[in-house]
Amino acid sequence: MMYKFRIDKIIVNTADGIEEIVPKKVNVIVGPNNSGKNRLLKEIRDYLSGDNRDIKIINGIEHPFPKSSSELDNMYDVASKMVKDKYGNWMLKSYSNKPTQVLDMTSSLESHFMYFFI
């Protein structure tokens, strides 16, 4: 079976304690202005990318990992999304407004694939 990313559970901090959210196939986030909808989405992105510096809402996210880097590359073609910047550093193309992760390409690609999902 081919790997496909999914989120099994999101654990969030609420005023009443910790709450577990189990996403469905389609999810809708509703709330008044300035209630945290955008922040929740940004924290999910940051948590999954390993940037936990400013996380206040997310307490944890459960998701399956690929069995190997080749399984991940077969599904998402990760190797083709790696580019070299003007300074000669390898990086993974970013499709968000977050800075791009610089990669040290002196070691094997397999170690880099797992780095992004830890």
PDB file of N, CA and C in Angstrom:
ATOM      1  N   MET A   1       0.845  -1.192   0.000  1.00  0.00           N
ATOM      2  CA  MET A   1       0.000   0.000   0.000  1.00  0.00           C
ATOM      3  C   MET A   1       0.885   1.248   0.000  1.00  0.00           C
ATOM      4  N   MET A   2       0.518   2.234  -0.777  1.00  0.00           N
ATOM      5  CA  MET A   2       1.300   3.448  -0.895  1.00  0.00           C
ATOM      6  C   MET A   2       0.987   4.402   0.264  1.00  0.00           C
ATOM      7  N   TYR A   3       2.036   5.080   0.748  1.00  0.00           N
ATOM      8  CA  TYR A   3       1.866   6.027   1.847  1.00  0.00           C
ATOM      9  C   TYR A   3       1.071   7.237   1.381  1.00  0.00           C
ATOM     10  N   LYS A   4       0.147   7.677   2.200  1.00  0.00           N
ATOM     11  CA  LYS A   4      -0.591   8.909   1.952  1.00  0.00           C
ATOM     12  C   LYS A   4      -0.731   9.623   3.286  1.00  0.00           C
ATOM     13  N   PHE A   5      -0.290  10.874   3.326  1.00  0.00           N
ATOM     14  CA  PHE A   5      -0.337  11.620   4.580  1.00  0.00           C
ATOM     15  C   PHE A   5      -1.774  11.853   5.017  1.00  0.00           C
ATOM     16  N   ARG A   6      -2.001  11.704   6.315  1.00  0.00           N
ATOM     17  CA  ARG A   6      -3.291  12.038   6.912  1.00  0.00           C
ATOM     18  C   ARG A   6      -3.048  12.361   8.377  1.00  0.00           C
ATOM     19  N   ILE A   7      -3.940  13.122   8.948  1.00  0.00           N
ATOM     20  CA  ILE A   7      -3.897  13.417  10.382  1.00  0.00           C
ATOM     21  C   ILE A   7      -4.956  12.556  11.047  1.00  0.00           C
ATOM     22  N   ASP A   8      -4.538  11.736  12.002  1.00  0.00           N
ATOM     23  CA  ASP A   8      -5.473  10.861  12.713  1.00  0.00           C
ATOM     24  C   ASP A   8      -6.133  11.565  13.895  1.00  0.00           C
ATOM     25  N   LYS A   9      -5.367  12.429  14.566  1.00  0.00           N
ATOM     26  CA  LYS A   9      -5.907  13.093  15.755  1.00  0.00           C
ATOM     27  C   LYS A   9      -5.123  14.375  16.022  1.00  0.00           C
ATOM     28  N   ILE A  10      -5.835  15.427  16.432  1.00  0.00           N
ATOM     29  CA  ILE A  10      -5.211  16.682  16.856  1.00  0.00           C
ATOM     30  C   ILE A  10      -5.579  16.881  18.318  1.00  0.00           C
ATOM     31  N   ILE A  11      -4.581  17.073  19.155  1.00  0.00           N
ATOM     32  CA  ILE A  11      -4.810  17.296  20.580  1.00  0.00           C
ATOM     33  C   ILE A  11      -4.591  18.786  20.831  1.00  0.00           C
ATOM     34  N   VAL A  12      -5.641  19.462  21.320  1.00  0.00           N
ATOM     35  CA  VAL A  12      -5.581  20.918  21.499  1.00  0.00           C
ATOM     36  C   VAL A  12      -5.787  21.302  22.960  1.00  0.00           C
ATOM     37  N   ASN A  13      -5.183  22.423  23.331  1.00  0.00           N
ATOM     38  CA  ASN A  13      -5.395  23.009  24.650  1.00  0.00           C
ATOM     39  C   ASN A  13      -6.605  23.926  24.569  1.00  0.00           C
ATOM     40  N   THR A  14      -7.545  23.757  25.489  1.00  0.00           N
ATOM     41  CA  THR A  14      -8.718  24.633  25.549  1.00  0.00           C
ATOM     42  C   THR A  14      -8.790  25.250  26.937  1.00  0.00           C
ATOM     43  N   ALA A  15      -9.712  26.169  27.123  1.00  0.00           N
ATOM     44  CA  ALA A  15      -9.905  26.787  28.435  1.00  0.00           C
ATOM     45  C   ALA A  15     -10.318  25.748  29.473  1.00  0.00           C
ATOM     46  N   ASP A  16     -10.960  24.668  29.026  1.00  0.00           N
ATOM     47  CA  ASP A  16     -11.429  23.616  29.935  1.00  0.00           C
ATOM     48  C   ASP A  16     -10.453  22.451  30.056  1.00  0.00           C
ATOM     49  N   GLY A  17      -9.308  22.526  29.427  1.00  0.00           N
ATOM     50  CA  GLY A  17      -8.333  21.436  29.470  1.00  0.00           C
ATOM     51  C   GLY A  17      -7.936  20.989  28.081  1.00  0.00           C
ATOM     52  N   ILE A  18      -7.608  19.717  27.960  1.00  0.00           N
ATOM     53  CA  ILE A  18      -7.170  19.164  26.679  1.00  0.00           C
ATOM     54  C   ILE A  18      -8.346  18.491  25.979  1.00  0.00           C
ATOM     55  N   GLU A  19      -8.454  18.731  24.671  1.00  0.00           N
ATOM     56  CA  GLU A  19      -9.522  18.126  23.872  1.00  0.00           C
ATOM     57  C   GLU A  19      -8.901  17.440  22.660  1.00  0.00           C
ATOM     58  N   GLU A  20      -9.442  16.285  22.298  1.00  0.00           N
ATOM     59  CA  GLU A  20      -8.967  15.560  21.126  1.00  0.00           C
ATOM     60  C   GLU A  20      -9.933  15.766  19.969  1.00  0.00           C
ATOM     61  N   ILE A  21      -9.385  16.119  18.812  1.00  0.00           N
ATOM     62  CA  ILE A  21     -10.181  16.308  17.603  1.00  0.00           C
ATOM     63  C   ILE A  21      -9.774  15.217  16.619  1.00  0.00           C
ATOM     64  N   VAL A  22     -10.741  14.448  16.158  1.00  0.00           N
ATOM     65  CA  VAL A  22     -10.479  13.418  15.149  1.00  0.00           C
ATOM     66  C   VAL A  22     -11.037  13.942  13.828  1.00  0.00           C
ATOM     67  N   PRO A  23     -10.144  14.360  12.912  1.00  0.00           N
ATOM     68  CA  PRO A  23     -10.606  14.923  11.640  1.00  0.00           C
ATOM     69  C   PRO A  23     -11.391  13.916  10.804  1.00  0.00           C
ATOM     70  N   LYS A  24     -12.339  14.431  10.053  1.00  0.00           N
ATOM     71  CA  LYS A  24     -13.124  13.640   9.098  1.00  0.00           C
ATOM     72  C   LYS A  24     -12.564  13.890   7.701  1.00  0.00           C
ATOM     73  N   LYS A  25     -13.252  13.418   6.686  1.00  0.00           N
ATOM     74  CA  LYS A  25     -12.794  13.621   5.312  1.00  0.00           C
ATOM     75  C   LYS A  25     -12.809  15.107   4.944  1.00  0.00           C
ATOM     76  N   VAL A  26     -13.846  15.825   5.367  1.00  0.00           N
ATOM     77  CA  VAL A  26     -13.950  17.268   5.152  1.00  0.00           C
ATOM     78  C   VAL A  26     -14.140  17.910   6.522  1.00  0.00           C
ATOM     79  N   ASN A  27     -13.379  18.969   6.803  1.00  0.00           N
ATOM     80  CA  ASN A  27     -13.442  19.644   8.095  1.00  0.00           C
ATOM     81  C   ASN A  27     -13.664  21.126   7.881  1.00  0.00           C
ATOM     82  N   VAL A  28     -14.506  21.709   8.708  1.00  0.00           N
ATOM     83  CA  VAL A  28     -14.831  23.131   8.606  1.00  0.00           C
ATOM     84  C   VAL A  28     -14.498  23.780   9.942  1.00  0.00           C
ATOM     85  N   ILE A  29     -13.769  24.885   9.889  1.00  0.00           N
ATOM     86  CA  ILE A  29     -13.434  25.637  11.099  1.00  0.00           C
ATOM     87  C   ILE A  29     -14.250  26.912  11.067  1.00  0.00           C
ATOM     88  N   VAL A  30     -15.121  27.080  12.057  1.00  0.00           N
ATOM     89  CA  VAL A  30     -16.049  28.210  12.095  1.00  0.00           C
ATOM     90  C   VAL A  30     -15.846  28.964  13.399  1.00  0.00           C
ATOM     91  N   GLY A  31     -15.928  30.286  13.333  1.00  0.00           N
ATOM     92  CA  GLY A  31     -15.837  31.103  14.536  1.00  0.00           C
ATOM     93  C   GLY A  31     -15.836  32.567  14.174  1.00  0.00           C
ATOM     94  N   PRO A  32     -16.095  33.420  15.163  1.00  0.00           N
ATOM     95  CA  PRO A  32     -16.091  34.864  14.903  1.00  0.00           C
ATOM     96  C   PRO A  32     -14.678  35.366  14.605  1.00  0.00           C
ATOM     97  N   ASN A  33     -14.598  36.605  14.139  1.00  0.00           N
ATOM     98  CA  ASN A  33     -13.303  37.233  13.889  1.00  0.00           C
ATOM     99  C   ASN A  33     -12.447  37.157  15.144  1.00  0.00           C
ATOM    100  N   ASN A  34     -11.156  36.938  14.946  1.00  0.00           N
ATOM    101  CA  ASN A  34     -10.174  36.943  16.026  1.00  0.00           C
ATOM    102  C   ASN A  34     -10.419  35.846  17.071  1.00  0.00           C
ATOM    103  N   SER A  35     -11.008  34.722  16.641  1.00  0.00           N
ATOM    104  CA  SER A  35     -11.276  33.641  17.595  1.00  0.00           C
ATOM    105  C   SER A  35     -10.218  32.535  17.548  1.00  0.00           C
ATOM    106  N   GLY A  36      -9.265  32.611  16.596  1.00  0.00           N
ATOM    107  CA  GLY A  36      -8.177  31.641  16.552  1.00  0.00           C
ATOM    108  C   GLY A  36      -8.209  30.667  15.394  1.00  0.00           C
ATOM    109  N   LYS A  37      -9.075  30.870  14.420  1.00  0.00           N
ATOM    110  CA  LYS A  37      -9.163  29.947  13.272  1.00  0.00           C
ATOM    111  C   LYS A  37      -7.842  29.915  12.498  1.00  0.00           C
ATOM    112  N   ASN A  38      -7.341  31.073  12.159  1.00  0.00           N
ATOM    113  CA  ASN A  38      -6.083  31.173  11.414  1.00  0.00           C
ATOM    114  C   ASN A  38      -4.918  30.639  12.237  1.00  0.00           C
ATOM    115  N   ARG A  39      -4.907  30.987  13.497  1.00  0.00           N
ATOM    116  CA  ARG A  39      -3.823  30.530  14.380  1.00  0.00           C
ATOM    117  C   ARG A  39      -3.796  29.004  14.446  1.00  0.00           C
ATOM    118  N   LEU A  40      -4.970  28.378  14.550  1.00  0.00           N
ATOM    119  CA  LEU A  40      -5.040  26.918  14.591  1.00  0.00           C
ATOM    120  C   LEU A  40      -4.402  26.316  13.335  1.00  0.00           C
ATOM    121  N   LEU A  41      -4.759  26.835  12.170  1.00  0.00           N
ATOM    122  CA  LEU A  41      -4.197  26.321  10.915  1.00  0.00           C
ATOM    123  C   LEU A  41      -2.684  26.541  10.839  1.00  0.00           C
ATOM    124  N   LYS A  42      -2.223  27.706  11.263  1.00  0.00           N
ATOM    125  CA  LYS A  42      -0.785  27.990  11.256  1.00  0.00           C
ATOM    126  C   LYS A  42      -0.043  27.084  12.230  1.00  0.00           C
ATOM    127  N   GLU A  43      -0.649  26.822  13.392  1.00  0.00           N
ATOM    128  CA  GLU A  43       0.000  25.943  14.362  1.00  0.00           C
ATOM    129  C   GLU A  43       0.053  24.502  13.869  1.00  0.00           C
ATOM    130  N   ILE A  44      -0.969  24.053  13.156  1.00  0.00           N
ATOM    131  CA  ILE A  44      -0.930  22.708  12.566  1.00  0.00           C
ATOM    132  C   ILE A  44       0.230  22.638  11.581  1.00  0.00           C
ATOM    133  N   ARG A  45       0.336  23.638  10.710  1.00  0.00           N
ATOM    134  CA  ARG A  45       1.449  23.696   9.743  1.00  0.00           C
ATOM    135  C   ARG A  45       2.797  23.698  10.467  1.00  0.00           C
ATOM    136  N   ASP A  46       2.935  24.569  11.472  1.00  0.00           N
ATOM    137  CA  ASP A  46       4.202  24.684  12.189  1.00  0.00           C
ATOM    138  C   ASP A  46       4.545  23.399  12.937  1.00  0.00           C
ATOM    139  N   TYR A  47       3.563  22.815  13.600  1.00  0.00           N
ATOM    140  CA  TYR A  47       3.799  21.579  14.355  1.00  0.00           C
ATOM    141  C   TYR A  47       4.288  20.470  13.425  1.00  0.00           C
ATOM    142  N   LEU A  48       3.633  20.331  12.286  1.00  0.00           N
ATOM    143  CA  LEU A  48       4.006  19.273  11.345  1.00  0.00           C
ATOM    144  C   LEU A  48       5.357  19.524  10.686  1.00  0.00           C
ATOM    145  N   SER A  49       5.767  20.787  10.592  1.00  0.00           N
ATOM    146  CA  SER A  49       7.068  21.091   9.993  1.00  0.00           C
ATOM    147  C   SER A  49       8.182  21.119  11.032  1.00  0.00           C
ATOM    148  N   GLY A  50       7.838  20.893  12.309  1.00  0.00           N
ATOM    149  CA  GLY A  50       8.851  20.846  13.362  1.00  0.00           C
ATOM    150  C   GLY A  50       9.168  22.182  13.990  1.00  0.00           C
ATOM    151  N   ASP A  51       8.448  23.227  13.643  1.00  0.00           N
ATOM    152  CA  ASP A  51       8.675  24.561  14.209  1.00  0.00           C
ATOM    153  C   ASP A  51       7.714  24.750  15.384  1.00  0.00           C
ATOM    154  N   ASN A  52       8.152  24.377  16.588  1.00  0.00           N
ATOM    155  CA  ASN A  52       7.287  24.417  17.769  1.00  0.00           C
ATOM    156  C   ASN A  52       7.536  25.634  18.659  1.00  0.00           C
ATOM    157  N   ARG A  53       8.187  26.664  18.138  1.00  0.00           N
ATOM    158  CA  ARG A  53       8.568  27.811  18.969  1.00  0.00           C
ATOM    159  C   ARG A  53       7.392  28.602  19.511  1.00  0.00           C
ATOM    160  N   ASP A  54       6.354  28.791  18.728  1.00  0.00           N
ATOM    161  CA  ASP A  54       5.273  29.694  19.135  1.00  0.00           C
ATOM    162  C   ASP A  54       3.929  28.967  19.186  1.00  0.00           C
ATOM    163  N   ILE A  55       3.941  27.707  19.569  1.00  0.00           N
ATOM    164  CA  ILE A  55       2.702  26.930  19.581  1.00  0.00           C
ATOM    165  C   ILE A  55       2.028  27.042  20.943  1.00  0.00           C
ATOM    166  N   LYS A  56       0.765  27.466  20.923  1.00  0.00           N
ATOM    167  CA  LYS A  56      -0.008  27.646  22.156  1.00  0.00           C
ATOM    168  C   LYS A  56      -1.246  26.751  22.181  1.00  0.00           C
ATOM    169  N   ILE A  57      -1.849  26.505  21.019  1.00  0.00           N
ATOM    170  CA  ILE A  57      -3.112  25.759  20.943  1.00  0.00           C
ATOM    171  C   ILE A  57      -2.864  24.257  20.803  1.00  0.00           C
ATOM    172  N   ILE A  58      -1.974  23.875  19.904  1.00  0.00           N
ATOM    173  CA  ILE A  58      -1.735  22.458  19.604  1.00  0.00           C
ATOM    174  C   ILE A  58      -0.911  21.813  20.711  1.00  0.00           C
ATOM    175  N   ASN A  59      -1.406  20.685  21.226  1.00  0.00           N
ATOM    176  CA  ASN A  59      -0.685  19.919  22.238  1.00  0.00           C
ATOM    177  C   ASN A  59      -0.037  18.691  21.607  1.00  0.00           C
ATOM    178  N   GLY A  60      -0.544  18.260  20.463  1.00  0.00           N
ATOM    179  CA  GLY A  60       0.012  17.109  19.769  1.00  0.00           C
ATOM    180  C   GLY A  60      -0.791  16.792  18.520  1.00  0.00           C
ATOM    181  N   ILE A  61      -0.146  16.135  17.572  1.00  0.00           N
ATOM    182  CA  ILE A  61      -0.819  15.685  16.352  1.00  0.00           C
ATOM    183  C   ILE A  61      -0.360  14.260  16.091  1.00  0.00           C
ATOM    184  N   GLU A  62      -1.323  13.367  15.935  1.00  0.00           N
ATOM    185  CA  GLU A  62      -1.004  11.976  15.615  1.00  0.00           C
ATOM    186  C   GLU A  62      -1.217  11.758  14.123  1.00  0.00           C
ATOM    187  N   HIS A  63      -0.181  11.240  13.474  1.00  0.00           N
ATOM    188  CA  HIS A  63      -0.262  10.929  12.047  1.00  0.00           C
ATOM    189  C   HIS A  63       0.701   9.795  11.748  1.00  0.00           C
ATOM    190  N   PRO A  64       0.377   8.969  10.749  1.00  0.00           N
ATOM    191  CA  PRO A  64       1.265   7.851  10.413  1.00  0.00           C
ATOM    192  C   PRO A  64       2.505   8.340   9.668  1.00  0.00           C
ATOM    193  N   PHE A  65       3.587   7.614   9.830  1.00  0.00           N
ATOM    194  CA  PHE A  65       4.824   7.908   9.118  1.00  0.00           C
ATOM    195  C   PHE A  65       5.005   6.888   7.992  1.00  0.00           C
ATOM    196  N   PRO A  66       5.689   7.272   6.929  1.00  0.00           N
ATOM    197  CA  PRO A  66       5.964   6.288   5.876  1.00  0.00           C
ATOM    198  C   PRO A  66       6.925   5.223   6.406  1.00  0.00           C
ATOM    199  N   LYS A  67       6.860   4.034   5.837  1.00  0.00           N
ATOM    200  CA  LYS A  67       7.747   2.948   6.264  1.00  0.00           C
ATOM    201  C   LYS A  67       9.186   3.197   5.824  1.00  0.00           C
ATOM    202  N   SER A  68       9.359   3.936   4.735  1.00  0.00           N
ATOM    203  CA  SER A  68      10.702   4.218   4.224  1.00  0.00           C
ATOM    204  C   SER A  68      10.685   5.520   3.430  1.00  0.00           C
ATOM    205  N   SER A  69      11.880   6.048   3.179  1.00  0.00           N
ATOM    206  CA  SER A  69      11.961   7.275   2.383  1.00  0.00           C
ATOM    207  C   SER A  69      11.533   7.019   0.943  1.00  0.00           C
ATOM    208  N   SER A  70      11.763   5.808   0.437  1.00  0.00           N
ATOM    209  CA  SER A  70      11.357   5.523  -0.944  1.00  0.00           C
ATOM    210  C   SER A  70       9.835   5.520  -1.077  1.00  0.00           C
ATOM    211  N   GLU A  71       9.137   5.051  -0.045  1.00  0.00           N
ATOM    212  CA  GLU A  71       7.672   5.080  -0.058  1.00  0.00           C
ATOM    213  C   GLU A  71       7.174   6.526  -0.104  1.00  0.00           C
ATOM    214  N   LEU A  72       7.821   7.383   0.650  1.00  0.00           N
ATOM    215  CA  LEU A  72       7.477   8.802   0.671  1.00  0.00           C
ATOM    216  C   LEU A  72       7.768   9.445  -0.684  1.00  0.00           C
ATOM    217  N   ASP A  73       8.937   9.159  -1.241  1.00  0.00           N
ATOM    218  CA  ASP A  73       9.304   9.747  -2.526  1.00  0.00           C
ATOM    219  C   ASP A  73       8.401   9.251  -3.646  1.00  0.00           C
ATOM    220  N   ASN A  74       8.005   7.984  -3.609  1.00  0.00           N
ATOM    221  CA  ASN A  74       7.100   7.448  -4.630  1.00  0.00           C
ATOM    222  C   ASN A  74       5.768   8.185  -4.634  1.00  0.00           C
ATOM    223  N   MET A  75       5.274   8.550  -3.470  1.00  0.00           N
ATOM    224  CA  MET A  75       3.975   9.216  -3.382  1.00  0.00           C
ATOM    225  C   MET A  75       4.069  10.705  -3.724  1.00  0.00           C
ATOM    226  N   TYR A  76       5.105  11.380  -3.208  1.00  0.00           N
ATOM    227  CA  TYR A  76       5.172  12.840  -3.324  1.00  0.00           C
ATOM    228  C   TYR A  76       6.307  13.351  -4.201  1.00  0.00           C
ATOM    229  N   ASP A  77       7.140  12.478  -4.740  1.00  0.00           N
ATOM    230  CA  ASP A  77       8.252  12.868  -5.603  1.00  0.00           C
ATOM    231  C   ASP A  77       9.107  13.951  -4.946  1.00  0.00           C
ATOM    232  N   VAL A  78       9.520  13.687  -3.705  1.00  0.00           N
ATOM    233  CA  VAL A  78      10.260  14.661  -2.899  1.00  0.00           C
ATOM    234  C   VAL A  78      11.565  15.071  -3.568  1.00  0.00           C
ATOM    235  N   ALA A  79      12.288  14.115  -4.130  1.00  0.00           N
ATOM    236  CA  ALA A  79      13.594  14.422  -4.720  1.00  0.00           C
ATOM    237  C   ALA A  79      13.492  15.485  -5.810  1.00  0.00           C
ATOM    238  N   SER A  80      12.414  15.502  -6.580  1.00  0.00           N
ATOM    239  CA  SER A  80      12.274  16.487  -7.656  1.00  0.00           C
ATOM    240  C   SER A  80      11.974  17.884  -7.119  1.00  0.00           C
ATOM    241  N   LYS A  81      11.612  17.977  -5.857  1.00  0.00           N
ATOM    242  CA  LYS A  81      11.288  19.275  -5.266  1.00  0.00           C
ATOM    243  C   LYS A  81      12.482  19.891  -4.540  1.00  0.00           C
ATOM    244  N   MET A  82      13.641  19.243  -4.639  1.00  0.00           N
ATOM    245  CA  MET A  82      14.846  19.771  -4.011  1.00  0.00           C
ATOM    246  C   MET A  82      15.563  20.665  -5.009  1.00  0.00           C
ATOM    247  N   VAL A  83      15.954  21.845  -4.562  1.00  0.00           N
ATOM    248  CA  VAL A  83      16.620  22.820  -5.427  1.00  0.00           C
ATOM    249  C   VAL A  83      17.852  23.373  -4.721  1.00  0.00           C
ATOM    250  N   LYS A  84      18.744  23.944  -5.504  1.00  0.00           N
ATOM    251  CA  LYS A  84      19.947  24.561  -4.957  1.00  0.00           C
ATOM    252  C   LYS A  84      19.768  26.071  -5.000  1.00  0.00           C
ATOM    253  N   ASP A  85      20.059  26.764  -3.885  1.00  0.00           N
ATOM    254  CA  ASP A  85      19.933  28.221  -3.877  1.00  0.00           C
ATOM    255  C   ASP A  85      21.178  28.865  -4.482  1.00  0.00           C
ATOM    256  N   LYS A  86      21.198  30.191  -4.535  1.00  0.00           N
ATOM    257  CA  LYS A  86      22.301  30.902  -5.187  1.00  0.00           C
ATOM    258  C   LYS A  86      23.630  30.742  -4.452  1.00  0.00           C
ATOM    259  N   TYR A  87      23.585  30.245  -3.190  1.00  0.00           N
ATOM    260  CA  TYR A  87      24.800  30.030  -2.411  1.00  0.00           C
ATOM    261  C   TYR A  87      25.272  28.576  -2.470  1.00  0.00           C
ATOM    262  N   GLY A  88      24.557  27.737  -3.210  1.00  0.00           N
ATOM    263  CA  GLY A  88      24.939  26.339  -3.335  1.00  0.00           C
ATOM    264  C   GLY A  88      24.339  25.419  -2.289  1.00  0.00           C
ATOM    265  N   ASN A  89      23.434  25.928  -1.451  1.00  0.00           N
ATOM    266  CA  ASN A  89      22.772  25.109  -0.434  1.00  0.00           C
ATOM    267  C   ASN A  89      21.568  24.404  -1.038  1.00  0.00           C
ATOM    268  N   TRP A  90      21.405  23.116  -0.717  1.00  0.00           N
ATOM    269  CA  TRP A  90      20.227  22.376  -1.162  1.00  0.00           C
ATOM    270  C   TRP A  90      19.068  22.661  -0.233  1.00  0.00           C
ATOM    271  N   MET A  91      17.863  22.768  -0.787  1.00  0.00           N
ATOM    272  CA  MET A  91      16.677  23.005   0.034  1.00  0.00           C
ATOM    273  C   MET A  91      15.467  22.365  -0.618  1.00  0.00           C
ATOM    274  N   LEU A  92      14.450  22.171   0.183  1.00  0.00           N
ATOM    275  CA  LEU A  92      13.189  21.644  -0.307  1.00  0.00           C
ATOM    276  C   LEU A  92      12.310  22.830  -0.653  1.00  0.00           C
ATOM    277  N   LYS A  93      11.754  22.852  -1.872  1.00  0.00           N
ATOM    278  CA  LYS A  93      10.875  23.953  -2.269  1.00  0.00           C
ATOM    279  C   LYS A  93       9.745  24.070  -1.263  1.00  0.00           C
ATOM    280  N   SER A  94       9.416  25.294  -0.911  1.00  0.00           N
ATOM    281  CA  SER A  94       8.333  25.530   0.036  1.00  0.00           C
ATOM    282  C   SER A  94       7.162  26.150  -0.704  1.00  0.00           C
ATOM    283  N   TYR A  95       5.977  25.676  -0.403  1.00  0.00           N
ATOM    284  CA  TYR A  95       4.778  26.221  -1.029  1.00  0.00           C
ATOM    285  C   TYR A  95       3.955  27.001  -0.017  1.00  0.00           C
ATOM    286  N   SER A  96       4.567  27.313   1.127  1.00  0.00           N
ATOM    287  CA  SER A  96       3.892  28.133   2.133  1.00  0.00           C
ATOM    288  C   SER A  96       4.709  29.403   2.299  1.00  0.00           C
ATOM    289  N   ASN A  97       4.270  30.277   3.181  1.00  0.00           N
ATOM    290  CA  ASN A  97       4.998  31.521   3.401  1.00  0.00           C
ATOM    291  C   ASN A  97       6.070  31.354   4.472  1.00  0.00           C
ATOM    292  N   LYS A  98       6.356  30.116   4.859  1.00  0.00           N
ATOM    293  CA  LYS A  98       7.402  29.845   5.837  1.00  0.00           C
ATOM    294  C   LYS A  98       8.747  29.810   5.124  1.00  0.00           C
ATOM    295  N   PRO A  99       9.846  30.144   5.827  1.00  0.00           N
ATOM    296  CA  PRO A  99      11.170  30.043   5.208  1.00  0.00           C
ATOM    297  C   PRO A  99      11.455  28.604   4.776  1.00  0.00           C
ATOM    298  N   THR A 100      12.303  28.460   3.794  1.00  0.00           N
ATOM    299  CA  THR A 100      12.648  27.144   3.265  1.00  0.00           C
ATOM    300  C   THR A 100      13.693  26.479   4.151  1.00  0.00           C
ATOM    301  N   GLN A 101      13.571  25.179   4.348  1.00  0.00           N
ATOM    302  CA  GLN A 101      14.529  24.414   5.136  1.00  0.00           C
ATOM    303  C   GLN A 101      15.772  24.128   4.302  1.00  0.00           C
ATOM    304  N   VAL A 102      16.936  24.563   4.773  1.00  0.00           N
ATOM    305  CA  VAL A 102      18.184  24.295   4.068  1.00  0.00           C
ATOM    306  C   VAL A 102      18.636  22.884   4.424  1.00  0.00           C
ATOM    307  N   LEU A 103      19.077  22.127   3.426  1.00  0.00           N
ATOM    308  CA  LEU A 103      19.497  20.745   3.630  1.00  0.00           C
ATOM    309  C   LEU A 103      20.995  20.596   3.445  1.00  0.00           C
ATOM    310  N   ASP A 104      21.608  19.754   4.238  1.00  0.00           N
ATOM    311  CA  ASP A 104      23.003  19.380   4.066  1.00  0.00           C
ATOM    312  C   ASP A 104      23.022  18.142   3.183  1.00  0.00           C
ATOM    313  N   MET A 105      23.424  18.291   1.940  1.00  0.00           N
ATOM    314  CA  MET A 105      23.351  17.193   0.984  1.00  0.00           C
ATOM    315  C   MET A 105      24.601  16.314   1.009  1.00  0.00           C
ATOM    316  N   THR A 106      25.462  16.481   2.022  1.00  0.00           N
ATOM    317  CA  THR A 106      26.658  15.647   2.088  1.00  0.00           C
ATOM    318  C   THR A 106      26.339  14.250   2.588  1.00  0.00           C
ATOM    319  N   SER A 107      25.204  14.074   3.259  1.00  0.00           N
ATOM    320  CA  SER A 107      24.809  12.736   3.704  1.00  0.00           C
ATOM    321  C   SER A 107      23.724  12.202   2.774  1.00  0.00           C
ATOM    322  N   SER A 108      23.235  11.023   3.049  1.00  0.00           N
ATOM    323  CA  SER A 108      22.267  10.390   2.142  1.00  0.00           C
ATOM    324  C   SER A 108      20.930  11.107   2.145  1.00  0.00           C
ATOM    325  N   LEU A 109      20.199  10.987   1.047  1.00  0.00           N
ATOM    326  CA  LEU A 109      18.871  11.588   0.946  1.00  0.00           C
ATOM    327  C   LEU A 109      17.913  10.987   1.954  1.00  0.00           C
ATOM    328  N   GLU A 110      18.074   9.714   2.274  1.00  0.00           N
ATOM    329  CA  GLU A 110      17.141   9.045   3.184  1.00  0.00           C
ATOM    330  C   GLU A 110      17.079   9.766   4.528  1.00  0.00           C
ATOM    331  N   SER A 111      18.211  10.240   5.035  1.00  0.00           N
ATOM    332  CA  SER A 111      18.190  10.933   6.321  1.00  0.00           C
ATOM    333  C   SER A 111      17.430  12.252   6.216  1.00  0.00           C
ATOM    334  N   HIS A 112      17.445  12.893   5.061  1.00  0.00           N
ATOM    335  CA  HIS A 112      16.733  14.154   4.893  1.00  0.00           C
ATOM    336  C   HIS A 112      15.227  13.954   4.834  1.00  0.00           C
ATOM    337  N   PHE A 113      14.770  12.897   4.204  1.00  0.00           N
ATOM    338  CA  PHE A 113      13.335  12.674   4.094  1.00  0.00           C
ATOM    339  C   PHE A 113      12.710  12.537   5.470  1.00  0.00           C
ATOM    340  N   MET A 114      13.328  11.788   6.341  1.00  0.00           N
ATOM    341  CA  MET A 114      12.769  11.580   7.671  1.00  0.00           C
ATOM    342  C   MET A 114      12.851  12.855   8.508  1.00  0.00           C
ATOM    343  N   TYR A 115      13.835  13.713   8.231  1.00  0.00           N
ATOM    344  CA  TYR A 115      14.014  14.947   8.997  1.00  0.00           C
ATOM    345  C   TYR A 115      12.762  15.815   8.966  1.00  0.00           C
ATOM    346  N   PHE A 116      12.091  15.861   7.840  1.00  0.00           N
ATOM    347  CA  PHE A 116      10.952  16.741   7.688  1.00  0.00           C
ATOM    348  C   PHE A 116       9.695  16.231   8.370  1.00  0.00           C
ATOM    349  N   PHE A 117       9.708  15.003   8.851  1.00  0.00           N
ATOM    350  CA  PHE A 117       8.498  14.417   9.403  1.00  0.00           C
ATOM    351  C   PHE A 117       8.653  14.006  10.855  1.00  0.00           C
ATOM    352  N   ILE A 118       9.704  14.451  11.506  1.00  0.00           N
ATOM    353  CA  ILE A 118       9.919  14.116  12.915  1.00  0.00           C
ATOM    354  C   ILE A 118       9.340  15.201  13.790  1.00  0.00           C
TER     355      ILE A 118
END
